[in-house]
Amino acid sequence: METREFDSKTHIGFKCECISREMRNAVFRGACTDDTETCSIKHGWLLGYLVRQSEPVFQKDLEKIFHFPKSTLADIIQSLEKDGFIAKVPVDGDGRKKQIVVTDKGLKFNENAEAQIIEVEDFITQGINPDEFETTIRVLDQIIENARSYKSQKTSKKED
């Protein structure tokens, strides 16, 4: 069988997916406890975002920021609420509008998750020269930018 160009290349998408999966697993192995039903990377990022907000946050805000389908975001919020990480609090003057706030349990989980992220990142980057690490980050940032540009290029060609 003839070796094709596809087979002879190292595929960056595959490598990135492998890195992402291994890091997710390592972080949440350390951050999740037996009393935590909710434990996914989406839940963790959302909770981390909420912890850092000083202004009130509503579900519509999260739809714009995270680009999850409405049903996915609703499921995540419902799950976080059920596990006691967040609460929906009515806003003064409008009983229909509910602000999403992080509970003490959510703050503790976020603190553990962030500590675990730092621990995993420190472990997996050991032995890597700081200059090489910075170069890697610059290359990955450029790949992200190129991928975004490619996506918009493909979208604009469809419109022509």
C-alpha atoms as a PDB file:
ATOM      1  CA  MET A   1       0.000   0.000   0.000  1.00  0.00           C
ATOM      2  CA  GLU A   2       1.274   3.442  -0.931  1.00  0.00           C
ATOM      3  CA  THR A   3       1.884   5.954   1.890  1.00  0.00           C
ATOM      4  CA  ARG A   4      -0.258   9.004   1.349  1.00  0.00           C
ATOM      5  CA  GLU A   5       0.564  12.541   2.425  1.00  0.00           C
ATOM      6  CA  PHE A   6      -2.088  12.389   5.166  1.00  0.00           C
ATOM      7  CA  ASP A   7      -0.484   9.322   6.738  1.00  0.00           C
ATOM      8  CA  SER A   8       3.025  10.807   6.769  1.00  0.00           C
ATOM      9  CA  LYS A   9       2.107  14.014   8.626  1.00  0.00           C
ATOM     10  CA  THR A  10       1.972  14.728  12.346  1.00  0.00           C
ATOM     11  CA  HIS A  11      -1.488  16.189  12.847  1.00  0.00           C
ATOM     12  CA  ILE A  12      -1.622  19.146  15.236  1.00  0.00           C
ATOM     13  CA  GLY A  13      -5.366  18.736  15.809  1.00  0.00           C
ATOM     14  CA  PHE A  14      -4.882  15.171  17.017  1.00  0.00           C
ATOM     15  CA  LYS A  15      -1.990  16.191  19.302  1.00  0.00           C
ATOM     16  CA  CYS A  16      -4.010  19.071  20.770  1.00  0.00           C
ATOM     17  CA  GLU A  17      -7.000  16.798  21.376  1.00  0.00           C
ATOM     18  CA  CYS A  18      -4.763  14.267  23.175  1.00  0.00           C
ATOM     19  CA  ILE A  19      -3.189  16.977  25.341  1.00  0.00           C
ATOM     20  CA  SER A  20      -6.593  18.443  26.146  1.00  0.00           C
ATOM     21  CA  ARG A  21      -8.085  15.082  27.117  1.00  0.00           C
ATOM     22  CA  GLU A  22      -5.127  14.101  29.318  1.00  0.00           C
ATOM     23  CA  MET A  23      -5.100  17.471  31.086  1.00  0.00           C
ATOM     24  CA  ARG A  24      -8.874  17.432  31.627  1.00  0.00           C
ATOM     25  CA  ASN A  25      -8.669  13.974  33.133  1.00  0.00           C
ATOM     26  CA  ALA A  26      -5.726  14.869  35.375  1.00  0.00           C
ATOM     27  CA  VAL A  27      -7.303  18.086  36.640  1.00  0.00           C
ATOM     28  CA  PHE A  28     -10.707  16.641  37.382  1.00  0.00           C
ATOM     29  CA  ARG A  29      -9.294  13.478  38.969  1.00  0.00           C
ATOM     30  CA  GLY A  30      -7.861  15.775  41.633  1.00  0.00           C
ATOM     31  CA  ALA A  31     -10.639  18.364  41.780  1.00  0.00           C
ATOM     32  CA  CYS A  32     -13.687  16.106  41.943  1.00  0.00           C
ATOM     33  CA  THR A  33     -14.818  14.393  45.101  1.00  0.00           C
ATOM     34  CA  ASP A  34     -17.279  11.608  45.785  1.00  0.00           C
ATOM     35  CA  ASP A  35     -20.003  14.085  46.784  1.00  0.00           C
ATOM     36  CA  THR A  36     -19.691  15.902  43.459  1.00  0.00           C
ATOM     37  CA  GLU A  37     -21.961  14.691  40.708  1.00  0.00           C
ATOM     38  CA  THR A  38     -21.074  17.636  38.488  1.00  0.00           C
ATOM     39  CA  CYS A  39     -17.571  17.309  37.222  1.00  0.00           C
ATOM     40  CA  SER A  40     -16.742  18.273  33.677  1.00  0.00           C
ATOM     41  CA  ILE A  41     -14.484  20.808  32.085  1.00  0.00           C
ATOM     42  CA  LYS A  42     -17.505  22.846  30.927  1.00  0.00           C
ATOM     43  CA  HIS A  43     -18.799  23.026  34.492  1.00  0.00           C
ATOM     44  CA  GLY A  44     -15.371  24.027  35.781  1.00  0.00           C
ATOM     45  CA  TRP A  45     -14.814  26.814  33.241  1.00  0.00           C
ATOM     46  CA  LEU A  46     -18.289  28.199  33.806  1.00  0.00           C
ATOM     47  CA  LEU A  47     -17.901  28.165  37.574  1.00  0.00           C
ATOM     48  CA  GLY A  48     -14.446  29.770  37.310  1.00  0.00           C
ATOM     49  CA  TYR A  49     -15.884  32.522  35.151  1.00  0.00           C
ATOM     50  CA  LEU A  50     -18.725  33.169  37.593  1.00  0.00           C
ATOM     51  CA  VAL A  51     -16.330  33.368  40.554  1.00  0.00           C
ATOM     52  CA  ARG A  52     -14.382  36.175  38.859  1.00  0.00           C
ATOM     53  CA  GLN A  53     -17.347  38.429  38.081  1.00  0.00           C
ATOM     54  CA  SER A  54     -18.006  41.553  40.102  1.00  0.00           C
ATOM     55  CA  GLU A  55     -21.212  42.490  38.245  1.00  0.00           C
ATOM     56  CA  PRO A  56     -24.425  40.423  38.279  1.00  0.00           C
ATOM     57  CA  VAL A  57     -24.426  37.549  35.772  1.00  0.00           C
ATOM     58  CA  PHE A  58     -27.502  36.175  34.024  1.00  0.00           C
ATOM     59  CA  GLN A  59     -27.962  33.109  31.859  1.00  0.00           C
ATOM     60  CA  LYS A  60     -28.239  35.260  28.701  1.00  0.00           C
ATOM     61  CA  ASP A  61     -24.788  36.707  29.461  1.00  0.00           C
ATOM     62  CA  LEU A  62     -23.320  33.216  29.623  1.00  0.00           C
ATOM     63  CA  GLU A  63     -24.878  32.260  26.282  1.00  0.00           C
ATOM     64  CA  LYS A  64     -22.973  35.105  24.612  1.00  0.00           C
ATOM     65  CA  ILE A  65     -19.675  34.354  26.336  1.00  0.00           C
ATOM     66  CA  PHE A  66     -19.492  30.558  26.148  1.00  0.00           C
ATOM     67  CA  HIS A  67     -21.311  29.935  22.851  1.00  0.00           C
ATOM     68  CA  PHE A  68     -22.961  26.781  24.207  1.00  0.00           C
ATOM     69  CA  PRO A  69     -26.322  25.869  22.737  1.00  0.00           C
ATOM     70  CA  LYS A  70     -29.110  27.149  25.024  1.00  0.00           C
ATOM     71  CA  SER A  71     -30.110  23.626  26.030  1.00  0.00           C
ATOM     72  CA  THR A  72     -26.509  22.678  26.925  1.00  0.00           C
ATOM     73  CA  LEU A  73     -26.059  25.812  29.020  1.00  0.00           C
ATOM     74  CA  ALA A  74     -29.412  25.246  30.733  1.00  0.00           C
ATOM     75  CA  ASP A  75     -28.351  21.670  31.580  1.00  0.00           C
ATOM     76  CA  ILE A  76     -25.001  22.858  32.979  1.00  0.00           C
ATOM     77  CA  ILE A  77     -26.634  25.556  35.093  1.00  0.00           C
ATOM     78  CA  GLN A  78     -29.275  23.129  36.349  1.00  0.00           C
ATOM     79  CA  SER A  79     -26.584  20.603  37.258  1.00  0.00           C
ATOM     80  CA  LEU A  80     -24.432  23.196  39.052  1.00  0.00           C
ATOM     81  CA  GLU A  81     -27.497  24.383  40.951  1.00  0.00           C
ATOM     82  CA  LYS A  82     -28.539  20.829  41.877  1.00  0.00           C
ATOM     83  CA  ASP A  83     -25.041  20.118  43.227  1.00  0.00           C
ATOM     84  CA  GLY A  84     -25.143  23.321  45.292  1.00  0.00           C
ATOM     85  CA  PHE A  85     -22.352  25.180  43.446  1.00  0.00           C
ATOM     86  CA  ILE A  86     -24.569  28.047  42.303  1.00  0.00           C
ATOM     87  CA  ALA A  87     -27.916  29.566  43.170  1.00  0.00           C
ATOM     88  CA  LYS A  88     -30.358  31.621  41.122  1.00  0.00           C
ATOM     89  CA  VAL A  89     -31.326  34.726  43.055  1.00  0.00           C
ATOM     90  CA  PRO A  90     -34.209  37.029  42.047  1.00  0.00           C
ATOM     91  CA  VAL A  91     -33.134  40.549  41.177  1.00  0.00           C
ATOM     92  CA  ASP A  92     -34.830  43.413  43.044  1.00  0.00           C
ATOM     93  CA  GLY A  93     -37.817  44.733  41.153  1.00  0.00           C
ATOM     94  CA  ASP A  94     -38.137  41.856  38.677  1.00  0.00           C
ATOM     95  CA  GLY A  95     -39.061  38.419  40.007  1.00  0.00           C
ATOM     96  CA  ARG A  96     -38.622  36.846  36.561  1.00  0.00           C
ATOM     97  CA  LYS A  97     -34.992  37.877  36.231  1.00  0.00           C
ATOM     98  CA  LYS A  98     -32.592  35.714  38.239  1.00  0.00           C
ATOM     99  CA  GLN A  99     -28.944  36.417  38.859  1.00  0.00           C
ATOM    100  CA  ILE A 100     -26.560  33.461  39.036  1.00  0.00           C
ATOM    101  CA  VAL A 101     -24.379  33.506  42.161  1.00  0.00           C
ATOM    102  CA  VAL A 102     -21.688  31.103  43.345  1.00  0.00           C
ATOM    103  CA  THR A 103     -22.305  29.418  46.706  1.00  0.00           C
ATOM    104  CA  ASP A 104     -19.674  28.672  49.347  1.00  0.00           C
ATOM    105  CA  LYS A 105     -19.552  25.085  48.074  1.00  0.00           C
ATOM    106  CA  GLY A 106     -18.947  26.424  44.545  1.00  0.00           C
ATOM    107  CA  LEU A 107     -16.169  28.701  45.766  1.00  0.00           C
ATOM    108  CA  LYS A 108     -14.484  25.761  47.508  1.00  0.00           C
ATOM    109  CA  PHE A 109     -14.772  23.558  44.407  1.00  0.00           C
ATOM    110  CA  ASN A 110     -13.359  26.339  42.230  1.00  0.00           C
ATOM    111  CA  GLU A 111     -10.467  26.843  44.637  1.00  0.00           C
ATOM    112  CA  ASN A 112      -9.666  23.105  44.520  1.00  0.00           C
ATOM    113  CA  ALA A 113      -9.973  22.992  40.721  1.00  0.00           C
ATOM    114  CA  GLU A 114      -7.654  25.987  40.261  1.00  0.00           C
ATOM    115  CA  ALA A 115      -5.090  24.475  42.636  1.00  0.00           C
ATOM    116  CA  GLN A 116      -5.305  21.211  40.681  1.00  0.00           C
ATOM    117  CA  ILE A 117      -4.853  23.041  37.355  1.00  0.00           C
ATOM    118  CA  ILE A 118      -1.702  24.715  38.662  1.00  0.00           C
ATOM    119  CA  GLU A 119      -0.390  21.407  40.015  1.00  0.00           C
ATOM    120  CA  VAL A 120      -1.006  19.600  36.712  1.00  0.00           C
ATOM    121  CA  GLU A 121       0.478  22.421  34.616  1.00  0.00           C
ATOM    122  CA  ASP A 122       3.563  22.593  36.840  1.00  0.00           C
ATOM    123  CA  PHE A 123       3.994  18.820  36.574  1.00  0.00           C
ATOM    124  CA  ILE A 124       3.552  18.526  32.811  1.00  0.00           C
ATOM    125  CA  THR A 125       5.854  21.459  32.033  1.00  0.00           C
ATOM    126  CA  GLN A 126       8.729  20.296  34.235  1.00  0.00           C
ATOM    127  CA  GLY A 127      11.979  19.987  32.318  1.00  0.00           C
ATOM    128  CA  ILE A 128      10.809  22.363  29.601  1.00  0.00           C
ATOM    129  CA  ASN A 129      13.052  25.366  29.117  1.00  0.00           C
ATOM    130  CA  PRO A 130      11.113  28.625  29.764  1.00  0.00           C
ATOM    131  CA  ASP A 131      12.124  29.972  26.335  1.00  0.00           C
ATOM    132  CA  GLU A 132      10.846  26.808  24.647  1.00  0.00           C
ATOM    133  CA  PHE A 133       7.624  27.073  26.623  1.00  0.00           C
ATOM    134  CA  GLU A 134       7.109  30.696  25.540  1.00  0.00           C
ATOM    135  CA  THR A 135       7.787  29.710  21.921  1.00  0.00           C
ATOM    136  CA  THR A 136       5.245  26.891  22.207  1.00  0.00           C
ATOM    137  CA  ILE A 137       2.616  29.286  23.546  1.00  0.00           C
ATOM    138  CA  ARG A 138       3.309  31.770  20.728  1.00  0.00           C
ATOM    139  CA  VAL A 139       3.001  28.977  18.135  1.00  0.00           C
ATOM    140  CA  LEU A 140      -0.242  27.700  19.657  1.00  0.00           C
ATOM    141  CA  ASP A 141      -1.661  31.249  19.746  1.00  0.00           C
ATOM    142  CA  GLN A 142      -0.798  31.636  16.063  1.00  0.00           C
ATOM    143  CA  ILE A 143      -2.437  28.296  15.248  1.00  0.00           C
ATOM    144  CA  ILE A 144      -5.585  29.423  17.079  1.00  0.00           C
ATOM    145  CA  GLU A 145      -5.598  32.705  15.170  1.00  0.00           C
ATOM    146  CA  ASN A 146      -5.039  30.917  11.855  1.00  0.00           C
ATOM    147  CA  ALA A 147      -7.870  28.486  12.613  1.00  0.00           C
ATOM    148  CA  ARG A 148     -10.218  31.387  13.379  1.00  0.00           C
ATOM    149  CA  SER A 149      -9.150  33.119  10.201  1.00  0.00           C
ATOM    150  CA  TYR A 150      -9.713  29.923   8.205  1.00  0.00           C
ATOM    151  CA  LYS A 151     -13.183  29.553   9.669  1.00  0.00           C
ATOM    152  CA  SER A 152     -14.132  33.115   8.703  1.00  0.00           C
ATOM    153  CA  GLN A 153     -12.580  32.647   5.261  1.00  0.00           C
ATOM    154  CA  LYS A 154     -14.699  29.549   4.674  1.00  0.00           C
ATOM    155  CA  THR A 155     -17.810  31.345   5.917  1.00  0.00           C
ATOM    156  CA  SER A 156     -17.262  34.341   3.626  1.00  0.00           C
ATOM    157  CA  LYS A 157     -16.666  32.071   0.576  1.00  0.00           C
ATOM    158  CA  LYS A 158     -20.066  30.438   1.136  1.00  0.00           C
ATOM    159  CA  GLU A 159     -21.701  33.857   1.074  1.00  0.00           C
ATOM    160  CA  ASP A 160     -20.098  34.791  -2.299  1.00  0.00           C
END
